[in-house]
C-alpha atoms as a PDB file:
ATOM      1  CA  MET A   1       0.000   0.000   0.000  1.00  0.00           C
ATOM      2  CA  LYS A   2       1.356   3.392  -0.985  1.00  0.00           C
ATOM      3  CA  ARG A   3      -1.087   6.058   0.122  1.00  0.00           C
ATOM      4  CA  ILE A   4      -4.065   7.012   2.272  1.00  0.00           C
ATOM      5  CA  ARG A   5      -6.000   9.892   0.798  1.00  0.00           C
ATOM      6  CA  ILE A   6      -8.368  11.977   2.947  1.00  0.00           C
ATOM      7  CA  LYS A   7     -11.328  13.476   1.067  1.00  0.00           C
ATOM      8  CA  LEU A   8     -13.378  16.280   2.588  1.00  0.00           C
ATOM      9  CA  ASP A   9     -15.109  17.712  -0.486  1.00  0.00           C
ATOM     10  CA  ASN A  10     -18.613  17.158   0.852  1.00  0.00           C
ATOM     11  CA  VAL A  11     -17.834  18.327   4.376  1.00  0.00           C
ATOM     12  CA  GLU A  12     -16.214  21.500   3.020  1.00  0.00           C
ATOM     13  CA  SER A  13     -19.315  22.158   0.910  1.00  0.00           C
ATOM     14  CA  MET A  14     -21.501  21.520   3.938  1.00  0.00           C
ATOM     15  CA  LEU A  15     -19.378  23.845   6.058  1.00  0.00           C
ATOM     16  CA  PHE A  16     -20.458  26.698   3.791  1.00  0.00           C
ATOM     17  CA  TYR A  17     -24.090  25.545   4.078  1.00  0.00           C
ATOM     18  CA  TRP A  18     -23.935  25.282   7.898  1.00  0.00           C
ATOM     19  CA  GLN A  19     -22.275  28.701   8.231  1.00  0.00           C
ATOM     20  CA  ALA A  20     -24.688  30.439   5.867  1.00  0.00           C
ATOM     21  CA  THR A  21     -27.693  28.789   7.488  1.00  0.00           C
ATOM     22  CA  SER A  22     -26.494  29.682  10.988  1.00  0.00           C
ATOM     23  CA  GLU A  23     -26.298  33.318   9.811  1.00  0.00           C
ATOM     24  CA  ARG A  24     -29.886  33.048   8.497  1.00  0.00           C
ATOM     25  CA  GLU A  25     -28.821  33.248   4.872  1.00  0.00           C
ATOM     26  CA  LYS A  26     -30.720  31.198   2.317  1.00  0.00           C
ATOM     27  CA  VAL A  27     -28.736  28.522   0.483  1.00  0.00           C
ATOM     28  CA  GLY A  28     -29.942  27.931  -3.072  1.00  0.00           C
ATOM     29  CA  GLU A  29     -31.439  24.667  -4.301  1.00  0.00           C
ATOM     30  CA  THR A  30     -28.785  24.425  -7.026  1.00  0.00           C
ATOM     31  CA  TYR A  31     -26.055  24.362  -4.399  1.00  0.00           C
ATOM     32  CA  LEU A  32     -27.886  21.681  -2.403  1.00  0.00           C
ATOM     33  CA  ASN A  33     -28.454  19.608  -5.541  1.00  0.00           C
ATOM     34  CA  ASP A  34     -24.767  19.842  -6.443  1.00  0.00           C
ATOM     35  CA  ILE A  35     -23.786  18.402  -3.064  1.00  0.00           C
ATOM     36  CA  ALA A  36     -26.560  15.796  -3.151  1.00  0.00           C
ATOM     37  CA  ASN A  37     -25.428  14.608  -6.580  1.00  0.00           C
ATOM     38  CA  HIS A  38     -21.730  14.439  -5.723  1.00  0.00           C
ATOM     39  CA  GLU A  39     -20.220  11.077  -6.656  1.00  0.00           C
ATOM     40  CA  ASP A  40     -19.299  10.148  -3.074  1.00  0.00           C
ATOM     41  CA  MET A  41     -22.680  11.182  -1.664  1.00  0.00           C
ATOM     42  CA  LYS A  42     -24.445   8.792  -4.032  1.00  0.00           C
ATOM     43  CA  LYS A  43     -22.713   5.916  -2.214  1.00  0.00           C
ATOM     44  CA  ILE A  44     -24.695   6.553   0.977  1.00  0.00           C
ATOM     45  CA  TYR A  45     -28.131   6.539  -0.642  1.00  0.00           C
ATOM     46  CA  ASP A  46     -30.620   3.717  -0.496  1.00  0.00           C
ATOM     47  CA  GLU A  47     -34.367   3.178  -0.907  1.00  0.00           C
ATOM     48  CA  GLU A  48     -35.117   5.219   2.251  1.00  0.00           C
ATOM     49  CA  PHE A  49     -32.629   8.070   1.893  1.00  0.00           C
ATOM     50  CA  ASN A  50     -31.682   9.494  -1.496  1.00  0.00           C
ATOM     51  CA  GLU A  51     -30.775  12.753  -3.245  1.00  0.00           C
ATOM     52  CA  GLU A  52     -34.292  14.092  -2.743  1.00  0.00           C
ATOM     53  CA  SER A  53     -34.161  13.281   0.986  1.00  0.00           C
ATOM     54  CA  PHE A  54     -30.854  15.156   1.232  1.00  0.00           C
ATOM     55  CA  ARG A  55     -32.187  18.208  -0.607  1.00  0.00           C
ATOM     56  CA  LYS A  56     -35.558  18.215   1.168  1.00  0.00           C
ATOM     57  CA  VAL A  57     -34.017  18.152   4.657  1.00  0.00           C
ATOM     58  CA  LEU A  58     -31.411  20.844   3.967  1.00  0.00           C
ATOM     59  CA  SER A  59     -33.910  23.044   2.144  1.00  0.00           C
ATOM     60  CA  ALA A  60     -36.298  22.907   5.113  1.00  0.00           C
ATOM     61  CA  ILE A  61     -33.496  23.892   7.499  1.00  0.00           C
ATOM     62  CA  SER A  62     -32.270  26.730   5.270  1.00  0.00           C
ATOM     63  CA  ASN A  63     -35.814  28.037   4.774  1.00  0.00           C
ATOM     64  CA  ARG A  64     -36.647  27.751   8.488  1.00  0.00           C
ATOM     65  CA  GLU A  65     -39.577  25.493   7.625  1.00  0.00           C
ATOM     66  CA  PRO A  66     -40.963  22.817   9.936  1.00  0.00           C
ATOM     67  CA  PHE A  67     -39.728  19.356   9.015  1.00  0.00           C
ATOM     68  CA  LYS A  68     -41.682  16.183   9.544  1.00  0.00           C
ATOM     69  CA  SER A  69     -40.915  12.814   8.027  1.00  0.00           C
ATOM     70  CA  ASP A  70     -41.911   9.202   8.562  1.00  0.00           C
ATOM     71  CA  VAL A  71     -38.425   8.171   7.441  1.00  0.00           C
ATOM     72  CA  LYS A  72     -36.058   7.793  10.402  1.00  0.00           C
ATOM     73  CA  LYS A  73     -32.933   8.397   8.284  1.00  0.00           C
ATOM     74  CA  GLU A  74     -34.307  11.772   7.187  1.00  0.00           C
ATOM     75  CA  ARG A  75     -35.106  12.733  10.785  1.00  0.00           C
ATOM     76  CA  VAL A  76     -31.605  11.732  11.932  1.00  0.00           C
ATOM     77  CA  PHE A  77     -30.068  13.699   9.051  1.00  0.00           C
ATOM     78  CA  TRP A  78     -32.207  16.739   9.926  1.00  0.00           C
ATOM     79  CA  ASN A  79     -31.191  16.545  13.592  1.00  0.00           C
ATOM     80  CA  SER A  80     -27.482  16.228  12.790  1.00  0.00           C
ATOM     81  CA  ASN A  81     -27.526  19.196  10.426  1.00  0.00           C
ATOM     82  CA  MET A  82     -29.479  21.341  12.877  1.00  0.00           C
ATOM     83  CA  TRP A  83     -26.855  20.522  15.497  1.00  0.00           C
ATOM     84  CA  MET A  84     -24.090  21.705  13.135  1.00  0.00           C
ATOM     85  CA  THR A  85     -25.810  25.053  12.524  1.00  0.00           C
ATOM     86  CA  GLU A  86     -26.483  25.703  16.210  1.00  0.00           C
ATOM     87  CA  ASP A  87     -22.832  25.705  17.326  1.00  0.00           C
ATOM     88  CA  MET A  88     -20.486  26.703  14.522  1.00  0.00           C
ATOM     89  CA  GLU A  89     -17.505  26.860  16.863  1.00  0.00           C
ATOM     90  CA  PHE A  90     -17.969  23.200  17.737  1.00  0.00           C
ATOM     91  CA  THR A  91     -18.526  22.372  14.058  1.00  0.00           C
ATOM     92  CA  ARG A  92     -15.210  24.041  13.197  1.00  0.00           C
ATOM     93  CA  MET A  93     -13.556  22.057  16.005  1.00  0.00           C
ATOM     94  CA  MET A  94     -14.776  18.873  14.288  1.00  0.00           C
ATOM     95  CA  VAL A  95     -13.566  19.924  10.839  1.00  0.00           C
ATOM     96  CA  ALA A  96     -10.198  21.490  11.699  1.00  0.00           C
ATOM     97  CA  PRO A  97      -8.158  18.412  12.676  1.00  0.00           C
ATOM     98  CA  ILE A  98      -9.520  16.334   9.809  1.00  0.00           C
ATOM     99  CA  LYS A  99      -8.760  19.118   7.345  1.00  0.00           C
ATOM    100  CA  VAL A 100      -5.042  19.007   8.122  1.00  0.00           C
ATOM    101  CA  MET A 101      -4.759  15.279   8.674  1.00  0.00           C
ATOM    102  CA  ASN A 102      -2.186  13.260   6.793  1.00  0.00           C
ATOM    103  CA  ALA A 103      -2.840   9.580   7.467  1.00  0.00           C
ATOM    104  CA  ASP A 104       0.232   8.194   5.696  1.00  0.00           C
ATOM    105  CA  HIS A 105       1.899   7.690   9.097  1.00  0.00           C
ATOM    106  CA  LEU A 106      -0.598   4.825   9.571  1.00  0.00           C
ATOM    107  CA  LEU A 107       0.807   2.853   6.622  1.00  0.00           C
ATOM    108  CA  PRO A 108       3.311   0.782   8.667  1.00  0.00           C
ATOM    109  CA  LYS A 109       0.541  -0.475  10.984  1.00  0.00           C
ATOM    110  CA  ILE A 110      -1.627  -1.424   8.019  1.00  0.00           C
ATOM    111  CA  GLU A 111       1.238  -3.074   6.166  1.00  0.00           C
ATOM    112  CA  ALA A 112       2.062  -5.135   9.264  1.00  0.00           C
ATOM    113  CA  ALA A 113      -1.525  -6.425   9.371  1.00  0.00           C
ATOM    114  CA  VAL A 114      -2.097  -6.893   5.629  1.00  0.00           C
ATOM    115  CA  LYS A 115       0.714  -8.619   3.752  1.00  0.00           C
ATOM    116  CA  SER A 116      -0.917  -8.481   0.293  1.00  0.00           C
ATOM    117  CA  PRO A 117      -3.008  -5.329   0.089  1.00  0.00           C
ATOM    118  CA  LYS A 118      -5.826  -5.288  -2.433  1.00  0.00           C
ATOM    119  CA  TYR A 119      -5.383  -1.559  -3.177  1.00  0.00           C
ATOM    120  CA  GLU A 120      -2.306   0.673  -3.417  1.00  0.00           C
ATOM    121  CA  GLU A 121      -4.370   3.675  -2.372  1.00  0.00           C
ATOM    122  CA  VAL A 122      -7.300   3.856   0.020  1.00  0.00           C
ATOM    123  CA  GLU A 123      -9.521   6.914   0.253  1.00  0.00           C
ATOM    124  CA  VAL A 124     -11.034   7.976   3.552  1.00  0.00           C
ATOM    125  CA  VAL A 125     -14.088  10.013   2.585  1.00  0.00           C
ATOM    126  CA  PHE A 126     -15.947  12.058   5.186  1.00  0.00           C
ATOM    127  CA  VAL A 127     -19.590  12.600   4.257  1.00  0.00           C
ATOM    128  CA  PRO A 128     -22.581  14.099   6.043  1.00  0.00           C
ATOM    129  CA  GLY A 129     -24.534  10.912   6.688  1.00  0.00           C
ATOM    130  CA  HIS A 130     -27.598   9.652   8.475  1.00  0.00           C
ATOM    131  CA  GLU A 131     -27.690   6.535  10.685  1.00  0.00           C
ATOM    132  CA  PHE A 132     -24.542   4.688   9.571  1.00  0.00           C
ATOM    133  CA  GLU A 133     -21.109   5.112  11.145  1.00  0.00           C
ATOM    134  CA  TYR A 134     -19.096   4.020   8.118  1.00  0.00           C
ATOM    135  CA  ARG A 135     -19.421   2.150   4.851  1.00  0.00           C
ATOM    136  CA  ILE A 136     -16.918   0.385   2.642  1.00  0.00           C
ATOM    137  CA  HIS A 137     -17.110   0.970  -1.104  1.00  0.00           C
ATOM    138  CA  GLN A 138     -14.289  -0.632  -3.083  1.00  0.00           C
ATOM    139  CA  ASN A 139     -11.110   1.226  -2.029  1.00  0.00           C
ATOM    140  CA  GLN A 140     -13.010   3.797   0.042  1.00  0.00           C
ATOM    141  CA  VAL A 141     -14.012   4.084   3.658  1.00  0.00           C
ATOM    142  CA  LEU A 142     -16.994   6.436   3.798  1.00  0.00           C
ATOM    143  CA  ILE A 143     -17.195   7.877   7.306  1.00  0.00           C
ATOM    144  CA  ASN A 144     -20.239   9.683   8.602  1.00  0.00           C
ATOM    145  CA  PHE A 145     -18.829  13.077   9.599  1.00  0.00           C
ATOM    146  CA  PHE A 146     -21.528  13.464  12.240  1.00  0.00           C
ATOM    147  CA  ARG A 147     -19.946  10.567  14.154  1.00  0.00           C
ATOM    148  CA  VAL A 148     -16.675  12.459  14.674  1.00  0.00           C
ATOM    149  CA  GLN A 149     -16.275  13.206  18.379  1.00  0.00           C
ATOM    150  CA  VAL A 150     -13.945  15.955  19.551  1.00  0.00           C
ATOM    151  CA  ASP A 151     -12.993  16.662  23.130  1.00  0.00           C
ATOM    152  CA  LEU A 152     -13.776  20.181  24.317  1.00  0.00           C
ATOM    153  CA  TYR A 153     -10.957  20.071  26.856  1.00  0.00           C
ATOM    154  CA  GLU A 154      -8.241  18.104  25.092  1.00  0.00           C
ATOM    155  CA  GLU A 155      -7.135  19.586  21.785  1.00  0.00           C
ATOM    156  CA  ASN A 156      -6.605  17.128  18.918  1.00  0.00           C
ATOM    157  CA  LYS A 157      -8.405  14.310  20.745  1.00  0.00           C
ATOM    158  CA  ILE A 158     -10.702  12.879  18.095  1.00  0.00           C
ATOM    159  CA  GLU A 159     -12.684   9.663  18.262  1.00  0.00           C
ATOM    160  CA  ILE A 160     -15.262   7.802  16.264  1.00  0.00           C
ATOM    161  CA  GLY A 161     -17.375   5.275  18.099  1.00  0.00           C
ATOM    162  CA  GLY A 162     -15.212   5.726  21.192  1.00  0.00           C
ATOM    163  CA  VAL A 163     -12.050   4.726  19.273  1.00  0.00           C
ATOM    164  CA  PRO A 164      -9.187   7.203  18.683  1.00  0.00           C
ATOM    165  CA  LEU A 165      -9.278   8.397  15.078  1.00  0.00           C
ATOM    166  CA  ASP A 166      -5.912   6.905  14.052  1.00  0.00           C
ATOM    167  CA  ASP A 167      -6.850   3.472  15.438  1.00  0.00           C
ATOM    168  CA  TYR A 168     -10.284   3.719  13.840  1.00  0.00           C
ATOM    169  CA  LEU A 169      -8.783   4.480  10.433  1.00  0.00           C
ATOM    170  CA  VAL A 170      -6.306   1.605  10.723  1.00  0.00           C
ATOM    171  CA  GLN A 171      -9.158  -0.811  11.528  1.00  0.00           C
ATOM    172  CA  LYS A 172     -11.322   0.364   8.628  1.00  0.00           C
ATOM    173  CA  ILE A 173      -8.495   0.452   6.078  1.00  0.00           C
ATOM    174  CA  ILE A 174      -7.510  -3.079   7.051  1.00  0.00           C
ATOM    175  CA  GLU A 175     -11.160  -4.024   6.479  1.00  0.00           C
ATOM    176  CA  VAL A 176     -11.002  -2.424   2.999  1.00  0.00           C
ATOM    177  CA  GLN A 177      -7.846  -4.374   2.168  1.00  0.00           C
ATOM    178  CA  ARG A 178      -9.335  -7.686   3.329  1.00  0.00           C
ATOM    179  CA  GLN A 179     -12.765  -7.407   1.710  1.00  0.00           C
ATOM    180  CA  ASP A 180     -13.723  -9.954  -0.928  1.00  0.00           C
END
């Protein structure tokens, strides 16, 4: 294995949305559709949560409209996005360490666990998700950004599912390399 690539395209796009929405600015439908139709976002959709779910939830938040849905994934997505807009300082605390992360220092641990890697490069893609914690798609680990946990008192302490971020990434990348 040669490289671990961190992708934040969708989170960076959402950062603009969360900031604008928190400042009571309207975010256009075209912008929401562009994010919803991004290649990596399409990998989190299913029969219950799709591009229209994504757009509908974010449009309701941006327009300050009441949101009601029978679909749990949409309600979870709504709640997570509302949380991001309510405390932008905390949101920035979640984004900042991931934005500057270089995960190549994890390669020796992965190489020790996987003798014949399936992929030379693995992408770690952070996406604004709904109920899932992570998903594997070929050479990608799609991580639900809303599951990132930062410590308010200890700078650079990041966890997902109670596991330190570096250890979490090693586990998931090993899973990518061992998948059939």
